[in-house]
Amino acid sequence: MEDGGRMGAANNLGTALQESSDYEGALPLFEECMAVHRRVRGGEHRNTLASIGNLADLHRVMGRHEQALELQIECREAKRRTLPISHTHLVMS
């Protein structure tokens, strides 16, 4: 299994880079996190969905609205399949 600490570190660095407006530096880190989580944990695991959301947010701030929208739809649909209808992530959706 992939080292969860390594992915956590990559995600944290990606977040720091995004917050400092280094979007191009954050992009490969968020893409790697999403790919590893999908491969190791599956497409509907909470860590996978969080990494999809992080990448979607990055695309949004980069002005890549089409890519952001695709990822946001993917994330929402996975949550609809896996979370109870009363879950707080779906109540406002």
Protein backbone atom coordinates (compact mmCIF):
# COMPACT_ATOMS: atom_id res chain seq x y z
CA MET A 1 0.00 0.00 0.00
CA GLU A 2 1.17 3.52 -0.75
CA ASP A 3 2.52 5.53 2.16
CA GLY A 4 -0.36 7.64 3.44
CA GLY A 5 2.14 9.99 5.08
CA ARG A 6 3.74 10.68 1.72
CA MET A 7 0.39 11.58 0.20
CA GLY A 8 -0.47 13.73 3.20
CA ALA A 9 2.82 15.56 2.81
CA ALA A 10 2.25 16.01 -0.94
CA ASN A 11 -1.25 17.33 -0.28
CA ASN A 12 -0.03 19.74 2.41
CA LEU A 13 2.72 21.05 0.14
CA GLY A 14 0.23 21.43 -2.71
CA THR A 15 -2.07 23.39 -0.43
CA ALA A 16 0.79 25.67 0.70
CA LEU A 17 1.81 26.26 -2.91
CA GLN A 18 -1.77 27.02 -3.93
CA GLU A 19 -2.15 29.45 -1.03
CA SER A 20 1.03 31.22 -2.15
CA SER A 21 -0.33 31.40 -5.72
CA ASP A 22 2.16 28.85 -7.10
CA TYR A 23 -0.56 27.02 -9.00
CA GLU A 24 1.78 25.31 -11.45
CA GLY A 25 3.77 23.92 -8.53
CA ALA A 26 0.63 22.67 -6.77
CA LEU A 27 -0.90 21.03 -9.85
CA PRO A 28 1.34 17.93 -10.15
CA LEU A 29 1.13 17.31 -6.40
CA PHE A 30 -2.68 17.36 -6.37
CA GLU A 31 -2.80 15.22 -9.52
CA GLU A 32 -0.47 12.67 -7.92
CA CYS A 33 -2.55 12.57 -4.73
CA MET A 34 -5.73 11.98 -6.68
CA ALA A 35 -4.18 9.26 -8.86
CA VAL A 36 -2.66 7.40 -5.90
CA HIS A 37 -5.84 7.58 -3.85
CA ARG A 38 -7.92 6.33 -6.77
CA ARG A 39 -5.55 3.43 -7.35
CA VAL A 40 -5.05 2.47 -3.71
CA ARG A 41 -8.39 3.32 -2.10
CA GLY A 42 -10.85 3.40 -4.97
CA GLY A 43 -12.89 6.13 -6.57
CA GLU A 44 -15.38 6.60 -3.73
CA HIS A 45 -13.11 6.64 -0.67
CA ARG A 46 -13.26 9.85 1.38
CA ASN A 47 -9.55 10.58 0.79
CA THR A 48 -10.02 10.14 -2.94
CA LEU A 49 -13.00 12.48 -2.91
CA ALA A 50 -11.06 15.04 -0.88
CA SER A 51 -8.19 14.91 -3.37
CA ILE A 52 -10.62 15.30 -6.28
CA GLY A 53 -12.09 18.33 -4.52
CA ASN A 54 -8.63 19.83 -3.95
CA LEU A 55 -7.75 19.43 -7.61
CA ALA A 56 -11.10 20.88 -8.68
CA ASP A 57 -10.54 23.91 -6.47
CA LEU A 58 -7.08 24.43 -7.91
CA HIS A 59 -8.43 24.28 -11.47
CA ARG A 60 -11.09 26.80 -10.47
CA VAL A 61 -8.59 29.34 -9.11
CA MET A 62 -6.45 28.82 -12.22
CA GLY A 63 -9.43 29.76 -14.37
CA ARG A 64 -9.79 26.25 -15.76
CA HIS A 65 -13.51 26.14 -15.14
CA GLU A 66 -14.31 23.23 -17.44
CA GLN A 67 -11.83 20.91 -15.70
CA ALA A 68 -13.01 22.13 -12.29
CA LEU A 69 -16.64 21.47 -13.17
CA GLU A 70 -15.92 17.94 -14.41
CA LEU A 71 -14.14 17.06 -11.18
CA GLN A 72 -16.81 18.69 -9.01
CA ILE A 73 -19.54 16.71 -10.78
CA GLU A 74 -17.55 13.49 -10.37
CA CYS A 75 -17.10 14.17 -6.67
CA ARG A 76 -20.75 15.06 -6.11
CA GLU A 77 -21.99 11.96 -7.90
CA ALA A 78 -19.68 9.71 -5.88
CA LYS A 79 -20.91 11.32 -2.67
CA ARG A 80 -24.53 10.83 -3.75
CA ARG A 81 -23.83 7.13 -4.26
CA THR A 82 -21.99 6.61 -0.99
CA LEU A 83 -23.38 9.01 1.63
CA PRO A 84 -26.82 8.87 3.25
CA ILE A 85 -29.20 11.50 1.89
CA SER A 86 -29.20 13.34 5.24
CA HIS A 87 -25.40 13.72 5.30
CA THR A 88 -24.24 17.31 5.72
CA HIS A 89 -22.23 17.22 2.46
CA LEU A 90 -25.44 16.55 0.53
CA VAL A 91 -28.00 18.65 2.39
CA MET A 92 -26.72 21.88 0.84
CA SER A 93 -26.02 20.31 -2.58
